[in-house]
């Protein structure tokens, strides 16, 4: 395996830390509501994932992280606790699960099927 490929695989391993952080923060949001500091930290995690994945040319992972970051920005700007409910939290957590699945596909050095992405990342 060449150095470039090893760096890419190392990034995917490190991405798990961001997934865990996001998951924890989203669960905290479910309890605390639209807490600005939680949303800021979650947005930074999603932003770091987005940028790192883009640099490593993991486009589907970057796209999902970008969408998650955008949704978190909406919650942050509106600062409305009524927007953070079980349904919203569940959808955000499903986004993290989707990123994990995409990460596994990338680790197997497969490409992400567009139909799969549409079915699993679009909702």
PDB file of N, CA and C in Angstrom:
ATOM      1  N   UNK A   1       0.856  -1.174   0.000  1.00  0.00           N
ATOM      2  CA  UNK A   1       0.000   0.000   0.000  1.00  0.00           C
ATOM      3  C   UNK A   1       0.905   1.241   0.000  1.00  0.00           C
ATOM      4  N   UNK A   2       0.560   2.193  -0.849  1.00  0.00           N
ATOM      5  CA  UNK A   2       1.382   3.403  -0.916  1.00  0.00           C
ATOM      6  C   UNK A   2       1.041   4.356   0.237  1.00  0.00           C
ATOM      7  N   UNK A   3       1.899   5.349   0.415  1.00  0.00           N
ATOM      8  CA  UNK A   3       1.763   6.291   1.523  1.00  0.00           C
ATOM      9  C   UNK A   3       0.464   7.076   1.437  1.00  0.00           C
ATOM     10  N   UNK A   4       0.104   7.517   0.236  1.00  0.00           N
ATOM     11  CA  UNK A   4      -1.126   8.290   0.052  1.00  0.00           C
ATOM     12  C   UNK A   4      -2.347   7.491   0.497  1.00  0.00           C
ATOM     13  N   UNK A   5      -2.406   6.244   0.095  1.00  0.00           N
ATOM     14  CA  UNK A   5      -3.534   5.396   0.476  1.00  0.00           C
ATOM     15  C   UNK A   5      -3.558   5.171   1.981  1.00  0.00           C
ATOM     16  N   UNK A   6      -2.395   5.025   2.593  1.00  0.00           N
ATOM     17  CA  UNK A   6      -2.333   4.830   4.045  1.00  0.00           C
ATOM     18  C   UNK A   6      -2.828   6.071   4.783  1.00  0.00           C
ATOM     19  N   UNK A   7      -2.470   7.256   4.288  1.00  0.00           N
ATOM     20  CA  UNK A   7      -2.937   8.501   4.901  1.00  0.00           C
ATOM     21  C   UNK A   7      -4.460   8.588   4.808  1.00  0.00           C
ATOM     22  N   UNK A   8      -4.997   8.218   3.678  1.00  0.00           N
ATOM     23  CA  UNK A   8      -6.454   8.245   3.493  1.00  0.00           C
ATOM     24  C   UNK A   8      -7.145   7.287   4.462  1.00  0.00           C
ATOM     25  N   UNK A   9      -6.582   6.086   4.612  1.00  0.00           N
ATOM     26  CA  UNK A   9      -7.168   5.115   5.535  1.00  0.00           C
ATOM     27  C   UNK A   9      -7.030   5.569   6.985  1.00  0.00           C
ATOM     28  N   UNK A  10      -5.912   6.224   7.305  1.00  0.00           N
ATOM     29  CA  UNK A  10      -5.734   6.770   8.653  1.00  0.00           C
ATOM     30  C   UNK A  10      -6.790   7.828   8.953  1.00  0.00           C
ATOM     31  N   UNK A  11      -7.085   8.668   7.959  1.00  0.00           N
ATOM     32  CA  UNK A  11      -8.130   9.671   8.149  1.00  0.00           C
ATOM     33  C   UNK A  11      -9.463   9.001   8.484  1.00  0.00           C
ATOM     34  N   UNK A  12      -9.793   7.931   7.776  1.00  0.00           N
ATOM     35  CA  UNK A  12     -11.055   7.240   8.037  1.00  0.00           C
ATOM     36  C   UNK A  12     -11.103   6.685   9.454  1.00  0.00           C
ATOM     37  N   UNK A  13      -9.977   6.199   9.941  1.00  0.00           N
ATOM     38  CA  UNK A  13      -9.928   5.711  11.328  1.00  0.00           C
ATOM     39  C   UNK A  13     -10.166   6.858  12.305  1.00  0.00           C
ATOM     40  N   UNK A  14      -9.533   7.991  12.051  1.00  0.00           N
ATOM     41  CA  UNK A  14      -9.679   9.158  12.923  1.00  0.00           C
ATOM     42  C   UNK A  14     -11.083   9.746  12.842  1.00  0.00           C
ATOM     43  N   UNK A  15     -11.757   9.549  11.721  1.00  0.00           N
ATOM     44  CA  UNK A  15     -13.116  10.076  11.560  1.00  0.00           C
ATOM     45  C   UNK A  15     -14.054   9.494  12.615  1.00  0.00           C
ATOM     46  N   UNK A  16     -13.757   8.310  13.084  1.00  0.00           N
ATOM     47  CA  UNK A  16     -14.602   7.682  14.103  1.00  0.00           C
ATOM     48  C   UNK A  16     -14.688   8.542  15.368  1.00  0.00           C
ATOM     49  N   UNK A  17     -13.610   9.238  15.694  1.00  0.00           N
ATOM     50  CA  UNK A  17     -13.634  10.133  16.856  1.00  0.00           C
ATOM     51  C   UNK A  17     -14.642  11.262  16.645  1.00  0.00           C
ATOM     52  N   UNK A  18     -14.699  11.791  15.435  1.00  0.00           N
ATOM     53  CA  UNK A  18     -15.686  12.830  15.131  1.00  0.00           C
ATOM     54  C   UNK A  18     -17.107  12.271  15.204  1.00  0.00           C
ATOM     55  N   UNK A  19     -17.294  11.061  14.699  1.00  0.00           N
ATOM     56  CA  UNK A  19     -18.626  10.445  14.766  1.00  0.00           C
ATOM     57  C   UNK A  19     -19.062  10.283  16.216  1.00  0.00           C
ATOM     58  N   UNK A  20     -18.152   9.801  17.055  1.00  0.00           N
ATOM     59  CA  UNK A  20     -18.478   9.609  18.468  1.00  0.00           C
ATOM     60  C   UNK A  20     -18.797  10.934  19.144  1.00  0.00           C
ATOM     61  N   UNK A  21     -18.016  11.956  18.829  1.00  0.00           N
ATOM     62  CA  UNK A  21     -18.251  13.283  19.394  1.00  0.00           C
ATOM     63  C   UNK A  21     -19.609  13.817  18.960  1.00  0.00           C
ATOM     64  N   UNK A  22     -19.898  13.715  17.669  1.00  0.00           N
ATOM     65  CA  UNK A  22     -21.190  14.184  17.162  1.00  0.00           C
ATOM     66  C   UNK A  22     -22.346  13.443  17.816  1.00  0.00           C
ATOM     67  N   UNK A  23     -22.207  12.160  17.931  1.00  0.00           N
ATOM     68  CA  UNK A  23     -23.265  11.354  18.547  1.00  0.00           C
ATOM     69  C   UNK A  23     -23.529  11.818  19.976  1.00  0.00           C
ATOM     70  N   UNK A  24     -22.479  11.998  20.733  1.00  0.00           N
ATOM     71  CA  UNK A  24     -22.606  12.440  22.119  1.00  0.00           C
ATOM     72  C   UNK A  24     -23.246  13.823  22.204  1.00  0.00           C
ATOM     73  N   UNK A  25     -22.792  14.729  21.355  1.00  0.00           N
ATOM     74  CA  UNK A  25     -23.349  16.084  21.352  1.00  0.00           C
ATOM     75  C   UNK A  25     -24.821  16.090  20.953  1.00  0.00           C
ATOM     76  N   UNK A  26     -25.178  15.274  19.985  1.00  0.00           N
ATOM     77  CA  UNK A  26     -26.578  15.218  19.554  1.00  0.00           C
ATOM     78  C   UNK A  26     -27.473  14.640  20.646  1.00  0.00           C
ATOM     79  N   UNK A  27     -26.954  13.668  21.372  1.00  0.00           N
ATOM     80  CA  UNK A  27     -27.727  13.131  22.494  1.00  0.00           C
ATOM     81  C   UNK A  27     -27.887  14.181  23.594  1.00  0.00           C
ATOM     82  N   UNK A  28     -26.857  14.991  23.795  1.00  0.00           N
ATOM     83  CA  UNK A  28     -26.960  16.092  24.755  1.00  0.00           C
ATOM     84  C   UNK A  28     -27.984  17.124  24.298  1.00  0.00           C
ATOM     85  N   UNK A  29     -28.034  17.393  23.003  1.00  0.00           N
ATOM     86  CA  UNK A  29     -29.029  18.329  22.466  1.00  0.00           C
ATOM     87  C   UNK A  29     -30.439  17.832  22.748  1.00  0.00           C
ATOM     88  N   UNK A  30     -30.613  16.535  22.657  1.00  0.00           N
ATOM     89  CA  UNK A  30     -31.926  15.944  22.899  1.00  0.00           C
ATOM     90  C   UNK A  30     -32.395  16.256  24.318  1.00  0.00           C
ATOM     91  N   UNK A  31     -31.451  16.349  25.231  1.00  0.00           N
ATOM     92  CA  UNK A  31     -31.779  16.623  26.633  1.00  0.00           C
ATOM     93  C   UNK A  31     -31.816  18.125  26.920  1.00  0.00           C
ATOM     94  N   UNK A  32     -30.837  18.873  26.390  1.00  0.00           N
ATOM     95  CA  UNK A  32     -30.667  20.280  26.746  1.00  0.00           C
ATOM     96  C   UNK A  32     -31.326  21.259  25.771  1.00  0.00           C
ATOM     97  N   UNK A  33     -31.776  20.781  24.637  1.00  0.00           N
ATOM     98  CA  UNK A  33     -32.375  21.676  23.657  1.00  0.00           C
ATOM     99  C   UNK A  33     -31.303  22.361  22.818  1.00  0.00           C
ATOM    100  N   UNK A  34     -31.681  23.437  22.169  1.00  0.00           N
ATOM    101  CA  UNK A  34     -30.802  24.143  21.219  1.00  0.00           C
ATOM    102  C   UNK A  34     -29.754  24.976  21.952  1.00  0.00           C
ATOM    103  N   UNK A  35     -28.965  24.332  22.749  1.00  0.00           N
ATOM    104  CA  UNK A  35     -27.893  24.990  23.511  1.00  0.00           C
ATOM    105  C   UNK A  35     -26.805  25.456  22.540  1.00  0.00           C
ATOM    106  N   UNK A  36     -26.554  26.767  22.456  1.00  0.00           N
ATOM    107  CA  UNK A  36     -25.594  27.291  21.474  1.00  0.00           C
ATOM    108  C   UNK A  36     -24.205  26.649  21.550  1.00  0.00           C
ATOM    109  N   UNK A  37     -23.686  26.427  22.739  1.00  0.00           N
ATOM    110  CA  UNK A  37     -22.340  25.860  22.835  1.00  0.00           C
ATOM    111  C   UNK A  37     -22.287  24.426  22.308  1.00  0.00           C
ATOM    112  N   UNK A  38     -23.343  23.659  22.536  1.00  0.00           N
ATOM    113  CA  UNK A  38     -23.399  22.299  21.994  1.00  0.00           C
ATOM    114  C   UNK A  38     -23.474  22.323  20.469  1.00  0.00           C
ATOM    115  N   UNK A  39     -24.311  23.200  19.955  1.00  0.00           N
ATOM    116  CA  UNK A  39     -24.456  23.310  18.503  1.00  0.00           C
ATOM    117  C   UNK A  39     -23.165  23.787  17.857  1.00  0.00           C
ATOM    118  N   UNK A  40     -22.484  24.724  18.496  1.00  0.00           N
ATOM    119  CA  UNK A  40     -21.207  25.203  17.961  1.00  0.00           C
ATOM    120  C   UNK A  40     -20.180  24.074  17.884  1.00  0.00           C
ATOM    121  N   UNK A  41     -20.100  23.300  18.943  1.00  0.00           N
ATOM    122  CA  UNK A  41     -19.133  22.188  18.977  1.00  0.00           C
ATOM    123  C   UNK A  41     -19.498  21.130  17.941  1.00  0.00           C
ATOM    124  N   UNK A  42     -20.783  20.828  17.814  1.00  0.00           N
ATOM    125  CA  UNK A  42     -21.229  19.855  16.817  1.00  0.00           C
ATOM    126  C   UNK A  42     -20.942  20.360  15.403  1.00  0.00           C
ATOM    127  N   UNK A  43     -21.172  21.645  15.166  1.00  0.00           N
ATOM    128  CA  UNK A  43     -20.886  22.210  13.843  1.00  0.00           C
ATOM    129  C   UNK A  43     -19.395  22.127  13.522  1.00  0.00           C
ATOM    130  N   UNK A  44     -18.537  22.387  14.514  1.00  0.00           N
ATOM    131  CA  UNK A  44     -17.090  22.294  14.277  1.00  0.00           C
ATOM    132  C   UNK A  44     -16.692  20.867  13.926  1.00  0.00           C
ATOM    133  N   UNK A  45     -17.283  19.892  14.606  1.00  0.00           N
ATOM    134  CA  UNK A  45     -16.975  18.493  14.292  1.00  0.00           C
ATOM    135  C   UNK A  45     -17.406  18.142  12.876  1.00  0.00           C
ATOM    136  N   UNK A  46     -18.627  18.538  12.524  1.00  0.00           N
ATOM    137  CA  UNK A  46     -19.126  18.269  11.168  1.00  0.00           C
ATOM    138  C   UNK A  46     -18.276  19.000  10.133  1.00  0.00           C
ATOM    139  N   UNK A  47     -17.884  20.228  10.448  1.00  0.00           N
ATOM    140  CA  UNK A  47     -17.066  21.017   9.530  1.00  0.00           C
ATOM    141  C   UNK A  47     -15.692  20.369   9.327  1.00  0.00           C
ATOM    142  N   UNK A  48     -15.086  19.909  10.389  1.00  0.00           N
ATOM    143  CA  UNK A  48     -13.782  19.242  10.290  1.00  0.00           C
ATOM    144  C   UNK A  48     -13.880  17.962   9.467  1.00  0.00           C
ATOM    145  N   UNK A  49     -14.948  17.196   9.692  1.00  0.00           N
ATOM    146  CA  UNK A  49     -15.177  15.991   8.897  1.00  0.00           C
ATOM    147  C   UNK A  49     -15.343  16.335   7.428  1.00  0.00           C
ATOM    148  N   UNK A  50     -16.138  17.353   7.160  1.00  0.00           N
ATOM    149  CA  UNK A  50     -16.395  17.777   5.779  1.00  0.00           C
ATOM    150  C   UNK A  50     -15.094  18.146   5.076  1.00  0.00           C
ATOM    151  N   UNK A  51     -14.309  18.974   5.713  1.00  0.00           N
ATOM    152  CA  UNK A  51     -13.064  19.433   5.109  1.00  0.00           C
ATOM    153  C   UNK A  51     -12.046  18.331   4.939  1.00  0.00           C
ATOM    154  N   UNK A  52     -11.882  17.516   5.979  1.00  0.00           N
ATOM    155  CA  UNK A  52     -10.923  16.414   5.902  1.00  0.00           C
ATOM    156  C   UNK A  52     -11.305  15.405   4.835  1.00  0.00           C
ATOM    157  N   UNK A  53     -12.595  15.069   4.787  1.00  0.00           N
ATOM    158  CA  UNK A  53     -13.060  14.107   3.784  1.00  0.00           C
ATOM    159  C   UNK A  53     -12.872  14.668   2.374  1.00  0.00           C
ATOM    160  N   UNK A  54     -13.118  15.956   2.206  1.00  0.00           N
ATOM    161  CA  UNK A  54     -12.929  16.569   0.890  1.00  0.00           C
ATOM    162  C   UNK A  54     -11.455  16.542   0.483  1.00  0.00           C
ATOM    163  N   UNK A  55     -10.577  16.860   1.429  1.00  0.00           N
ATOM    164  CA  UNK A  55      -9.143  16.840   1.129  1.00  0.00           C
ATOM    165  C   UNK A  55      -8.663  15.445   0.746  1.00  0.00           C
ATOM    166  N   UNK A  56      -9.263  14.430   1.365  1.00  0.00           N
ATOM    167  CA  UNK A  56      -8.875  13.048   1.098  1.00  0.00           C
ATOM    168  C   UNK A  56      -9.636  12.459  -0.089  1.00  0.00           C
ATOM    169  N   UNK A  57     -10.473  13.278  -0.691  1.00  0.00           N
ATOM    170  CA  UNK A  57     -11.279  12.884  -1.851  1.00  0.00           C
ATOM    171  C   UNK A  57     -12.320  11.802  -1.541  1.00  0.00           C
ATOM    172  N   UNK A  58     -12.854  11.872  -0.331  1.00  0.00           N
ATOM    173  CA  UNK A  58     -13.991  11.027   0.039  1.00  0.00           C
ATOM    174  C   UNK A  58     -15.243  11.896  -0.112  1.00  0.00           C
ATOM    175  N   UNK A  59     -15.628  12.116  -1.346  1.00  0.00           N
ATOM    176  CA  UNK A  59     -16.686  13.079  -1.666  1.00  0.00           C
ATOM    177  C   UNK A  59     -18.019  12.750  -0.993  1.00  0.00           C
ATOM    178  N   UNK A  60     -18.515  11.516  -1.043  1.00  0.00           N
ATOM    179  CA  UNK A  60     -19.797  11.258  -0.392  1.00  0.00           C
ATOM    180  C   UNK A  60     -19.771  11.553   1.112  1.00  0.00           C
ATOM    181  N   UNK A  61     -18.687  11.195   1.778  1.00  0.00           N
ATOM    182  CA  UNK A  61     -18.571  11.476   3.202  1.00  0.00           C
ATOM    183  C   UNK A  61     -18.566  12.983   3.447  1.00  0.00           C
ATOM    184  N   UNK A  62     -17.857  13.710   2.636  1.00  0.00           N
ATOM    185  CA  UNK A  62     -17.814  15.167   2.752  1.00  0.00           C
ATOM    186  C   UNK A  62     -19.197  15.770   2.526  1.00  0.00           C
ATOM    187  N   UNK A  63     -19.926  15.265   1.553  1.00  0.00           N
ATOM    188  CA  UNK A  63     -21.255  15.797   1.251  1.00  0.00           C
ATOM    189  C   UNK A  63     -22.226  15.586   2.411  1.00  0.00           C
ATOM    190  N   UNK A  64     -22.179  14.412   3.007  1.00  0.00           N
ATOM    191  CA  UNK A  64     -23.087  14.135   4.129  1.00  0.00           C
ATOM    192  C   UNK A  64     -22.721  15.009   5.322  1.00  0.00           C
ATOM    193  N   UNK A  65     -21.431  15.142   5.602  1.00  0.00           N
ATOM    194  CA  UNK A  65     -20.986  15.996   6.704  1.00  0.00           C
ATOM    195  C   UNK A  65     -21.406  17.447   6.456  1.00  0.00           C
ATOM    196  N   UNK A  66     -21.339  17.878   5.197  1.00  0.00           N
ATOM    197  CA  UNK A  66     -21.749  19.239   4.839  1.00  0.00           C
ATOM    198  C   UNK A  66     -23.234  19.443   5.122  1.00  0.00           C
ATOM    199  N   UNK A  67     -24.032  18.488   4.743  1.00  0.00           N
ATOM    200  CA  UNK A  67     -25.479  18.595   4.994  1.00  0.00           C
ATOM    201  C   UNK A  67     -25.771  18.631   6.482  1.00  0.00           C
ATOM    202  N   UNK A  68     -25.073  17.781   7.247  1.00  0.00           N
ATOM    203  CA  UNK A  68     -25.269  17.764   8.692  1.00  0.00           C
ATOM    204  C   UNK A  68     -24.875  19.118   9.291  1.00  0.00           C
ATOM    205  N   UNK A  69     -23.755  19.650   8.831  1.00  0.00           N
ATOM    206  CA  UNK A  69     -23.315  20.962   9.303  1.00  0.00           C
ATOM    207  C   UNK A  69     -24.373  22.028   8.987  1.00  0.00           C
ATOM    208  N   UNK A  70     -24.934  21.997   7.794  1.00  0.00           N
ATOM    209  CA  UNK A  70     -25.966  22.966   7.410  1.00  0.00           C
ATOM    210  C   UNK A  70     -27.196  22.868   8.319  1.00  0.00           C
ATOM    211  N   UNK A  71     -27.630  21.661   8.621  1.00  0.00           N
ATOM    212  CA  UNK A  71     -28.789  21.494   9.496  1.00  0.00           C
ATOM    213  C   UNK A  71     -28.494  22.011  10.902  1.00  0.00           C
ATOM    214  N   UNK A  72     -27.277  21.764  11.375  1.00  0.00           N
ATOM    215  CA  UNK A  72     -26.891  22.269  12.695  1.00  0.00           C
ATOM    216  C   UNK A  72     -26.848  23.796  12.698  1.00  0.00           C
ATOM    217  N   UNK A  73     -26.408  24.391  11.595  1.00  0.00           N
ATOM    218  CA  UNK A  73     -26.382  25.861  11.482  1.00  0.00           C
ATOM    219  C   UNK A  73     -27.795  26.432  11.592  1.00  0.00           C
ATOM    220  N   UNK A  74     -28.740  25.772  10.954  1.00  0.00           N
ATOM    221  CA  UNK A  74     -30.133  26.229  11.019  1.00  0.00           C
ATOM    222  C   UNK A  74     -30.618  26.221  12.460  1.00  0.00           C
ATOM    223  N   UNK A  75     -30.337  25.138  13.171  1.00  0.00           N
ATOM    224  CA  UNK A  75     -30.743  25.059  14.578  1.00  0.00           C
ATOM    225  C   UNK A  75     -30.048  26.138  15.399  1.00  0.00           C
ATOM    226  N   UNK A  76     -28.785  26.384  15.096  1.00  0.00           N
ATOM    227  CA  UNK A  76     -28.006  27.380  15.848  1.00  0.00           C
ATOM    228  C   UNK A  76     -28.544  28.786  15.605  1.00  0.00           C
ATOM    229  N   UNK A  77     -28.846  29.112  14.362  1.00  0.00           N
ATOM    230  CA  UNK A  77     -29.322  30.460  14.036  1.00  0.00           C
ATOM    231  C   UNK A  77     -30.692  30.711  14.646  1.00  0.00           C
ATOM    232  N   UNK A  78     -31.537  29.728  14.596  1.00  0.00           N
ATOM    233  CA  UNK A  78     -32.902  29.918  15.085  1.00  0.00           C
ATOM    234  C   UNK A  78     -32.984  29.892  16.606  1.00  0.00           C
ATOM    235  N   UNK A  79     -32.084  29.186  17.264  1.00  0.00           N
ATOM    236  CA  UNK A  79     -32.054  29.102  18.727  1.00  0.00           C
ATOM    237  C   UNK A  79     -33.439  28.865  19.319  1.00  0.00           C
ATOM    238  N   UNK A  80     -34.126  27.913  18.763  1.00  0.00           N
ATOM    239  CA  UNK A  80     -35.489  27.614  19.175  1.00  0.00           C
ATOM    240  C   UNK A  80     -35.530  26.183  19.701  1.00  0.00           C
ATOM    241  N   UNK A  81     -35.713  26.043  21.000  1.00  0.00           N
ATOM    242  CA  UNK A  81     -35.735  24.711  21.605  1.00  0.00           C
ATOM    243  C   UNK A  81     -36.839  23.825  21.044  1.00  0.00           C
ATOM    244  N   UNK A  82     -37.903  24.437  20.543  1.00  0.00           N
ATOM    245  CA  UNK A  82     -38.993  23.618  20.004  1.00  0.00           C
ATOM    246  C   UNK A  82     -38.574  22.885  18.729  1.00  0.00           C
ATOM    247  N   UNK A  83     -37.489  23.358  18.075  1.00  0.00           N
ATOM    248  CA  UNK A  83     -37.002  22.688  16.865  1.00  0.00           C
ATOM    249  C   UNK A  83     -36.204  21.431  17.177  1.00  0.00           C
ATOM    250  N   UNK A  84     -35.718  21.333  18.396  1.00  0.00           N
ATOM    251  CA  UNK A  84     -34.905  20.179  18.785  1.00  0.00           C
ATOM    252  C   UNK A  84     -35.810  19.219  19.551  1.00  0.00           C
ATOM    253  N   UNK A  85     -36.341  18.246  18.819  1.00  0.00           N
ATOM    254  CA  UNK A  85     -37.189  17.244  19.438  1.00  0.00           C
ATOM    255  C   UNK A  85     -36.669  15.851  19.062  1.00  0.00           C
ATOM    256  N   UNK A  86     -37.343  14.836  19.520  1.00  0.00           N
ATOM    257  CA  UNK A  86     -36.892  13.455  19.260  1.00  0.00           C
ATOM    258  C   UNK A  86     -36.746  13.171  17.770  1.00  0.00           C
ATOM    259  N   UNK A  87     -37.694  13.645  16.981  1.00  0.00           N
ATOM    260  CA  UNK A  87     -37.656  13.382  15.543  1.00  0.00           C
ATOM    261  C   UNK A  87     -36.416  14.013  14.897  1.00  0.00           C
ATOM    262  N   UNK A  88     -36.150  15.258  15.233  1.00  0.00           N
ATOM    263  CA  UNK A  88     -34.992  15.953  14.664  1.00  0.00           C
ATOM    264  C   UNK A  88     -33.702  15.289  15.131  1.00  0.00           C
ATOM    265  N   UNK A  89     -33.625  15.003  16.413  1.00  0.00           N
ATOM    266  CA  UNK A  89     -32.420  14.360  16.947  1.00  0.00           C
ATOM    267  C   UNK A  89     -32.199  13.007  16.293  1.00  0.00           C
ATOM    268  N   UNK A  90     -33.268  12.258  16.105  1.00  0.00           N
ATOM    269  CA  UNK A  90     -33.159  10.945  15.455  1.00  0.00           C
ATOM    270  C   UNK A  90     -32.639  11.089  14.029  1.00  0.00           C
ATOM    271  N   UNK A  91     -33.141  12.068  13.288  1.00  0.00           N
ATOM    272  CA  UNK A  91     -32.668  12.291  11.919  1.00  0.00           C
ATOM    273  C   UNK A  91     -31.184  12.681  11.896  1.00  0.00           C
ATOM    274  N   UNK A  92     -30.772  13.527  12.822  1.00  0.00           N
ATOM    275  CA  UNK A  92     -29.365  13.927  12.885  1.00  0.00           C
ATOM    276  C   UNK A  92     -28.476  12.733  13.234  1.00  0.00           C
ATOM    277  N   UNK A  93     -28.940  11.907  14.168  1.00  0.00           N
ATOM    278  CA  UNK A  93     -28.179  10.701  14.525  1.00  0.00           C
ATOM    279  C   UNK A  93     -28.117   9.717  13.362  1.00  0.00           C
ATOM    280  N   UNK A  94     -29.184   9.655  12.584  1.00  0.00           N
ATOM    281  CA  UNK A  94     -29.166   8.807  11.388  1.00  0.00           C
ATOM    282  C   UNK A  94     -28.142   9.315  10.384  1.00  0.00           C
ATOM    283  N   UNK A  95     -27.936  10.628  10.355  1.00  0.00           N
ATOM    284  CA  UNK A  95     -26.895  11.200   9.508  1.00  0.00           C
ATOM    285  C   UNK A  95     -25.518  10.716   9.924  1.00  0.00           C
ATOM    286  N   UNK A  96     -25.283  10.637  11.227  1.00  0.00           N
ATOM    287  CA  UNK A  96     -24.002  10.123  11.727  1.00  0.00           C
ATOM    288  C   UNK A  96     -23.863   8.643  11.361  1.00  0.00           C
ATOM    289  N   UNK A  97     -24.946   7.884  11.520  1.00  0.00           N
ATOM    290  CA  UNK A  97     -24.917   6.466  11.140  1.00  0.00           C
ATOM    291  C   UNK A  97     -24.609   6.306   9.655  1.00  0.00           C
ATOM    292  N   UNK A  98     -25.182   7.175   8.847  1.00  0.00           N
ATOM    293  CA  UNK A  98     -24.948   7.138   7.406  1.00  0.00           C
ATOM    294  C   UNK A  98     -23.476   7.424   7.095  1.00  0.00           C
ATOM    295  N   UNK A  99     -22.899   8.394   7.799  1.00  0.00           N
ATOM    296  CA  UNK A  99     -21.475   8.689   7.588  1.00  0.00           C
ATOM    297  C   UNK A  99     -20.611   7.490   7.975  1.00  0.00           C
ATOM    298  N   UNK A 100     -20.997   6.798   9.035  1.00  0.00           N
ATOM    299  CA  UNK A 100     -20.245   5.597   9.436  1.00  0.00           C
ATOM    300  C   UNK A 100     -20.310   4.531   8.345  1.00  0.00           C
ATOM    301  N   UNK A 101     -21.486   4.364   7.768  1.00  0.00           N
ATOM    302  CA  UNK A 101     -21.636   3.371   6.704  1.00  0.00           C
ATOM    303  C   UNK A 101     -20.798   3.747   5.488  1.00  0.00           C
ATOM    304  N   UNK A 102     -20.801   5.027   5.136  1.00  0.00           N
ATOM    305  CA  UNK A 102     -19.995   5.500   4.011  1.00  0.00           C
ATOM    306  C   UNK A 102     -18.513   5.314   4.310  1.00  0.00           C
ATOM    307  N   UNK A 103     -18.126   5.575   5.539  1.00  0.00           N
ATOM    308  CA  UNK A 103     -16.726   5.371   5.938  1.00  0.00           C
ATOM    309  C   UNK A 103     -16.309   3.919   5.711  1.00  0.00           C
ATOM    310  N   UNK A 104     -17.177   2.997   6.083  1.00  0.00           N
ATOM    311  CA  UNK A 104     -16.865   1.581   5.892  1.00  0.00           C
ATOM    312  C   UNK A 104     -16.727   1.236   4.411  1.00  0.00           C
ATOM    313  N   UNK A 105     -17.577   1.805   3.596  1.00  0.00           N
ATOM    314  CA  UNK A 105     -17.487   1.574   2.153  1.00  0.00           C
ATOM    315  C   UNK A 105     -16.146   2.100   1.637  1.00  0.00           C
ATOM    316  N   UNK A 106     -15.779   3.295   2.075  1.00  0.00           N
ATOM    317  CA  UNK A 106     -14.491   3.869   1.667  1.00  0.00           C
ATOM    318  C   UNK A 106     -13.323   3.009   2.160  1.00  0.00           C
ATOM    319  N   UNK A 107     -13.426   2.488   3.378  1.00  0.00           N
ATOM    320  CA  UNK A 107     -12.347   1.651   3.906  1.00  0.00           C
ATOM    321  C   UNK A 107     -12.161   0.388   3.074  1.00  0.00           C
ATOM    322  N   UNK A 108     -13.244  -0.099   2.520  1.00  0.00           N
ATOM    323  CA  UNK A 108     -13.169  -1.289   1.671  1.00  0.00           C
ATOM    324  C   UNK A 108     -12.724  -0.928   0.265  1.00  0.00           C
ATOM    325  N   UNK A 109     -12.441   0.360   0.068  1.00  0.00           N
ATOM    326  CA  UNK A 109     -11.990   0.893  -1.213  1.00  0.00           C
ATOM    327  C   UNK A 109     -13.005   0.658  -2.326  1.00  0.00           C
ATOM    328  N   UNK A 110     -14.267   0.680  -1.922  1.00  0.00           N
ATOM    329  CA  UNK A 110     -15.367   0.604  -2.876  1.00  0.00           C
ATOM    330  C   UNK A 110     -15.898   2.011  -3.109  1.00  0.00           C
ATOM    331  N   UNK A 111     -16.666   2.153  -4.165  1.00  0.00           N
ATOM    332  CA  UNK A 111     -17.319   3.441  -4.389  1.00  0.00           C
ATOM    333  C   UNK A 111     -18.733   3.368  -3.813  1.00  0.00           C
ATOM    334  N   UNK A 112     -19.235   4.518  -3.415  1.00  0.00           N
ATOM    335  CA  UNK A 112     -20.562   4.596  -2.828  1.00  0.00           C
ATOM    336  C   UNK A 112     -21.581   4.677  -3.950  1.00  0.00           C
ATOM    337  N   UNK A 113     -22.499   3.753  -3.960  1.00  0.00           N
ATOM    338  CA  UNK A 113     -23.543   3.709  -4.973  1.00  0.00           C
ATOM    339  C   UNK A 113     -24.468   4.920  -4.824  1.00  0.00           C
ATOM    340  N   UNK A 114     -24.703   5.611  -5.908  1.00  0.00           N
ATOM    341  CA  UNK A 114     -25.545   6.814  -5.883  1.00  0.00           C
ATOM    342  C   UNK A 114     -26.962   6.508  -5.396  1.00  0.00           C
ATOM    343  N   UNK A 115     -27.517   5.378  -5.809  1.00  0.00           N
ATOM    344  CA  UNK A 115     -28.864   5.013  -5.362  1.00  0.00           C
ATOM    345  C   UNK A 115     -28.901   4.783  -3.857  1.00  0.00           C
ATOM    346  N   UNK A 116     -27.874   4.103  -3.348  1.00  0.00           N
ATOM    347  CA  UNK A 116     -27.781   3.874  -1.906  1.00  0.00           C
ATOM    348  C   UNK A 116     -27.703   5.209  -1.180  1.00  0.00           C
ATOM    349  N   UNK A 117     -26.871   6.102  -1.707  1.00  0.00           N
ATOM    350  CA  UNK A 117     -26.689   7.418  -1.098  1.00  0.00           C
ATOM    351  C   UNK A 117     -28.007   8.192  -1.086  1.00  0.00           C
ATOM    352  N   UNK A 118     -28.729   8.151  -2.185  1.00  0.00           N
ATOM    353  CA  UNK A 118     -30.010   8.853  -2.260  1.00  0.00           C
ATOM    354  C   UNK A 118     -31.002   8.287  -1.255  1.00  0.00           C
ATOM    355  N   UNK A 119     -31.062   6.986  -1.123  1.00  0.00           N
ATOM    356  CA  UNK A 119     -31.995   6.351  -0.202  1.00  0.00           C
ATOM    357  C   UNK A 119     -31.617   6.552   1.259  1.00  0.00           C
ATOM    358  N   UNK A 120     -30.329   6.594   1.547  1.00  0.00           N
ATOM    359  CA  UNK A 120     -29.893   6.624   2.934  1.00  0.00           C
ATOM    360  C   UNK A 120     -29.462   7.996   3.444  1.00  0.00           C
ATOM    361  N   UNK A 121     -29.018   8.857   2.571  1.00  0.00           N
ATOM    362  CA  UNK A 121     -28.531  10.165   3.021  1.00  0.00           C
ATOM    363  C   UNK A 121     -29.523  11.287   2.765  1.00  0.00           C
ATOM    364  N   UNK A 122     -30.365  11.139   1.775  1.00  0.00           N
ATOM    365  CA  UNK A 122     -31.291  12.218   1.431  1.00  0.00           C
ATOM    366  C   UNK A 122     -32.347  12.482   2.497  1.00  0.00           C
ATOM    367  N   UNK A 123     -32.943  11.453   3.090  1.00  0.00           N
ATOM    368  CA  UNK A 123     -33.998  11.751   4.082  1.00  0.00           C
ATOM    369  C   UNK A 123     -33.467  12.593   5.222  1.00  0.00           C
TER     370      UNK A 123
END
